[in-house]
Amino acid sequence: MNWTVLEGTADLHALEAASGDRGFLVFKHSTRCPVSSQAALSLQRWEAPAGTPPMYLVHVVEDRTLSMSMADRWEVRHESPQLLWWLNGKIQHHTSHFEVRGTTISAWMDQTNAPNLG
C-alpha cells in the first residue's frame, strides 16, 4: 500500500474537510522504533483491496507537533506505531503496535461494510 506524507496541521484540516465517504487512514510511524519499522514494511507489502481509503503517513519524531495535535484533536492517545481510520467526521477505529497491519484494515472495512443486523 502506498501513502502520502502529511506535513502539518493545515494538511490535516484540509484532509478532514475533503475526506468524503471513504474517509482516510493515518499511519503514525517512528523511524527510531523497530516495531514501527516492521509495521511500515508490513503495510507496504499489503495488497490493499479496491475501496480501501487512502493512507497518510505522519513521522512522529520529525513532526511531533502534528502527531500530538492529532492526539488532542481526535481524543486518541498518541502511540507509535499507530493506525487510525477517520470516517464520517471522527475516528472510527484505531490500533497500535503489533496490530498495525493490512489485515487490521481489512477487518475494519469488513466491519464497517457489514449490514446492520440490529
C-alpha atoms as a PDB file:
ATOM      1  CA  MET A   1       0.000   0.000   0.000  1.00  0.00           C
ATOM      2  CA  ASN A   2       1.254   3.470  -0.823  1.00  0.00           C
ATOM      3  CA  TRP A   3       0.861   6.537   1.336  1.00  0.00           C
ATOM      4  CA  THR A   4       1.240  10.298   1.239  1.00  0.00           C
ATOM      5  CA  VAL A   5       3.181  12.142   3.926  1.00  0.00           C
ATOM      6  CA  LEU A   6       1.199  14.685   5.949  1.00  0.00           C
ATOM      7  CA  GLU A   7       3.287  17.756   6.613  1.00  0.00           C
ATOM      8  CA  GLY A   8       1.404  19.896   9.087  1.00  0.00           C
ATOM      9  CA  THR A   9      -1.888  20.673  10.747  1.00  0.00           C
ATOM     10  CA  ALA A  10      -3.110  22.660   7.724  1.00  0.00           C
ATOM     11  CA  ASP A  11      -2.766  19.496   5.601  1.00  0.00           C
ATOM     12  CA  LEU A  12      -4.642  17.528   8.255  1.00  0.00           C
ATOM     13  CA  HIS A  13      -7.510  20.012   8.474  1.00  0.00           C
ATOM     14  CA  ALA A  14      -7.856  20.120   4.682  1.00  0.00           C
ATOM     15  CA  LEU A  15      -7.868  16.333   4.566  1.00  0.00           C
ATOM     16  CA  GLU A  16     -10.586  16.101   7.221  1.00  0.00           C
ATOM     17  CA  ALA A  17     -12.749  18.561   5.292  1.00  0.00           C
ATOM     18  CA  ALA A  18     -12.325  16.733   1.974  1.00  0.00           C
ATOM     19  CA  SER A  19     -12.382  13.132   3.201  1.00  0.00           C
ATOM     20  CA  GLY A  20     -15.668  12.082   1.576  1.00  0.00           C
ATOM     21  CA  ASP A  21     -17.494   8.858   2.357  1.00  0.00           C
ATOM     22  CA  ARG A  22     -14.411   6.578   2.437  1.00  0.00           C
ATOM     23  CA  GLY A  23     -12.513   8.650   4.941  1.00  0.00           C
ATOM     24  CA  PHE A  24      -8.771   8.155   5.230  1.00  0.00           C
ATOM     25  CA  LEU A  25      -6.206   6.158   7.157  1.00  0.00           C
ATOM     26  CA  VAL A  26      -3.258   7.572   9.095  1.00  0.00           C
ATOM     27  CA  PHE A  27      -0.150   5.592   9.929  1.00  0.00           C
ATOM     28  CA  LYS A  28       1.859   7.264  12.689  1.00  0.00           C
ATOM     29  CA  HIS A  29       5.405   5.998  12.288  1.00  0.00           C
ATOM     30  CA  SER A  30       8.573   6.400  14.322  1.00  0.00           C
ATOM     31  CA  THR A  31      11.809   5.997  12.382  1.00  0.00           C
ATOM     32  CA  ARG A  32      13.532   5.190  15.699  1.00  0.00           C
ATOM     33  CA  CYS A  33      11.342   2.206  16.622  1.00  0.00           C
ATOM     34  CA  PRO A  34      11.905  -1.315  15.292  1.00  0.00           C
ATOM     35  CA  VAL A  35       8.253  -2.244  15.892  1.00  0.00           C
ATOM     36  CA  SER A  36       7.186   0.752  13.826  1.00  0.00           C
ATOM     37  CA  SER A  37       9.651  -0.172  11.079  1.00  0.00           C
ATOM     38  CA  GLN A  38       8.207  -3.677  10.950  1.00  0.00           C
ATOM     39  CA  ALA A  39       4.670  -2.270  10.794  1.00  0.00           C
ATOM     40  CA  ALA A  40       5.676   0.040   7.927  1.00  0.00           C
ATOM     41  CA  LEU A  41       7.150  -2.875   5.995  1.00  0.00           C
ATOM     42  CA  SER A  42       4.019  -4.955   6.567  1.00  0.00           C
ATOM     43  CA  LEU A  43       1.761  -2.148   5.324  1.00  0.00           C
ATOM     44  CA  GLN A  44       3.951  -1.525   2.274  1.00  0.00           C
ATOM     45  CA  ARG A  45       3.715  -5.192   1.283  1.00  0.00           C
ATOM     46  CA  TRP A  46      -0.053  -5.425   1.839  1.00  0.00           C
ATOM     47  CA  GLU A  47      -2.220  -5.627  -1.287  1.00  0.00           C
ATOM     48  CA  ALA A  48      -4.981  -3.159  -0.480  1.00  0.00           C
ATOM     49  CA  PRO A  49      -8.382  -4.243  -1.856  1.00  0.00           C
ATOM     50  CA  ALA A  50     -10.473  -1.931  -4.019  1.00  0.00           C
ATOM     51  CA  GLY A  51     -12.251   0.665  -1.952  1.00  0.00           C
ATOM     52  CA  THR A  52      -9.534   0.950   0.689  1.00  0.00           C
ATOM     53  CA  PRO A  53      -9.360   4.519   1.985  1.00  0.00           C
ATOM     54  CA  PRO A  54      -6.202   6.439   1.110  1.00  0.00           C
ATOM     55  CA  MET A  55      -3.411   6.265   3.665  1.00  0.00           C
ATOM     56  CA  TYR A  56      -1.377   9.148   5.012  1.00  0.00           C
ATOM     57  CA  LEU A  57       1.880   8.939   6.939  1.00  0.00           C
ATOM     58  CA  VAL A  58       2.947  11.031   9.909  1.00  0.00           C
ATOM     59  CA  HIS A  59       6.583  10.815  11.014  1.00  0.00           C
ATOM     60  CA  VAL A  60       6.128  11.182  14.764  1.00  0.00           C
ATOM     61  CA  VAL A  61       9.730  12.101  15.570  1.00  0.00           C
ATOM     62  CA  GLU A  62      10.217  14.553  12.727  1.00  0.00           C
ATOM     63  CA  ASP A  63       6.747  16.126  13.067  1.00  0.00           C
ATOM     64  CA  ARG A  64       5.990  15.788  16.758  1.00  0.00           C
ATOM     65  CA  THR A  65       3.739  18.859  16.699  1.00  0.00           C
ATOM     66  CA  LEU A  66       1.402  17.308  14.122  1.00  0.00           C
ATOM     67  CA  SER A  67       1.402  13.955  15.876  1.00  0.00           C
ATOM     68  CA  MET A  68       0.463  15.435  19.240  1.00  0.00           C
ATOM     69  CA  SER A  69      -2.064  17.786  17.634  1.00  0.00           C
ATOM     70  CA  MET A  70      -3.823  14.750  16.142  1.00  0.00           C
ATOM     71  CA  ALA A  71      -3.948  13.045  19.538  1.00  0.00           C
ATOM     72  CA  ASP A  72      -5.502  16.129  21.127  1.00  0.00           C
ATOM     73  CA  ARG A  73      -7.857  16.947  18.261  1.00  0.00           C
ATOM     74  CA  TRP A  74      -9.094  13.377  17.807  1.00  0.00           C
ATOM     75  CA  GLU A  75      -9.010  12.473  21.522  1.00  0.00           C
ATOM     76  CA  VAL A  76      -6.976   9.331  20.872  1.00  0.00           C
ATOM     77  CA  ARG A  77      -3.891   8.712  22.995  1.00  0.00           C
ATOM     78  CA  HIS A  78      -0.666   9.022  20.982  1.00  0.00           C
ATOM     79  CA  GLU A  79       1.168   5.773  20.311  1.00  0.00           C
ATOM     80  CA  SER A  80       3.676   4.628  17.748  1.00  0.00           C
ATOM     81  CA  PRO A  81       3.277   2.822  15.563  1.00  0.00           C
ATOM     82  CA  GLN A  82      -0.386   3.692  15.369  1.00  0.00           C
ATOM     83  CA  LEU A  83      -3.063   3.221  12.736  1.00  0.00           C
ATOM     84  CA  LEU A  84      -6.231   5.344  12.677  1.00  0.00           C
ATOM     85  CA  TRP A  85      -9.273   5.478  10.388  1.00  0.00           C
ATOM     86  CA  TRP A  86     -11.043   8.840  10.092  1.00  0.00           C
ATOM     87  CA  LEU A  87     -14.576   8.378   8.744  1.00  0.00           C
ATOM     88  CA  ASN A  88     -17.774  10.425   8.998  1.00  0.00           C
ATOM     89  CA  GLY A  89     -16.102  13.249  10.889  1.00  0.00           C
ATOM     90  CA  LYS A  90     -14.382  11.217  13.600  1.00  0.00           C
ATOM     91  CA  ILE A  91     -12.020   8.365  14.349  1.00  0.00           C
ATOM     92  CA  GLN A  92     -13.928   5.133  13.756  1.00  0.00           C
ATOM     93  CA  HIS A  93     -11.096   2.715  14.505  1.00  0.00           C
ATOM     94  CA  HIS A  94      -7.570   2.861  15.871  1.00  0.00           C
ATOM     95  CA  THR A  95      -4.905   0.435  16.992  1.00  0.00           C
ATOM     96  CA  SER A  96      -1.209   0.373  17.754  1.00  0.00           C
ATOM     97  CA  HIS A  97       1.968  -1.635  17.893  1.00  0.00           C
ATOM     98  CA  PHE A  98       1.681  -5.245  16.683  1.00  0.00           C
ATOM     99  CA  GLU A  99      -1.882  -4.787  15.385  1.00  0.00           C
ATOM    100  CA  VAL A 100      -0.737  -2.209  12.797  1.00  0.00           C
ATOM    101  CA  ARG A 101      -1.017  -4.319   9.633  1.00  0.00           C
ATOM    102  CA  GLY A 102      -3.073  -4.676   6.498  1.00  0.00           C
ATOM    103  CA  THR A 103      -5.282  -7.420   7.877  1.00  0.00           C
ATOM    104  CA  THR A 104      -6.433  -4.979  10.567  1.00  0.00           C
ATOM    105  CA  ILE A 105      -7.540  -2.532   7.868  1.00  0.00           C
ATOM    106  CA  SER A 106      -9.354  -5.347   6.045  1.00  0.00           C
ATOM    107  CA  ALA A 107     -11.181  -6.321   9.226  1.00  0.00           C
ATOM    108  CA  TRP A 108     -12.182  -2.697   9.849  1.00  0.00           C
ATOM    109  CA  MET A 109     -13.515  -2.429   6.296  1.00  0.00           C
ATOM    110  CA  ASP A 110     -15.465  -5.681   6.656  1.00  0.00           C
ATOM    111  CA  GLN A 111     -16.935  -4.488   9.943  1.00  0.00           C
ATOM    112  CA  THR A 112     -17.846  -1.073   8.552  1.00  0.00           C
ATOM    113  CA  ASN A 113     -19.417  -2.532   5.377  1.00  0.00           C
ATOM    114  CA  ALA A 114     -21.379  -5.270   7.158  1.00  0.00           C
ATOM    115  CA  PRO A 115     -25.149  -4.845   7.116  1.00  0.00           C
ATOM    116  CA  ASN A 116     -26.722  -3.700  10.357  1.00  0.00           C
ATOM    117  CA  LEU A 117     -28.211  -6.818  11.900  1.00  0.00           C
ATOM    118  CA  GLY A 118     -29.876  -4.945  14.772  1.00  0.00           C
END
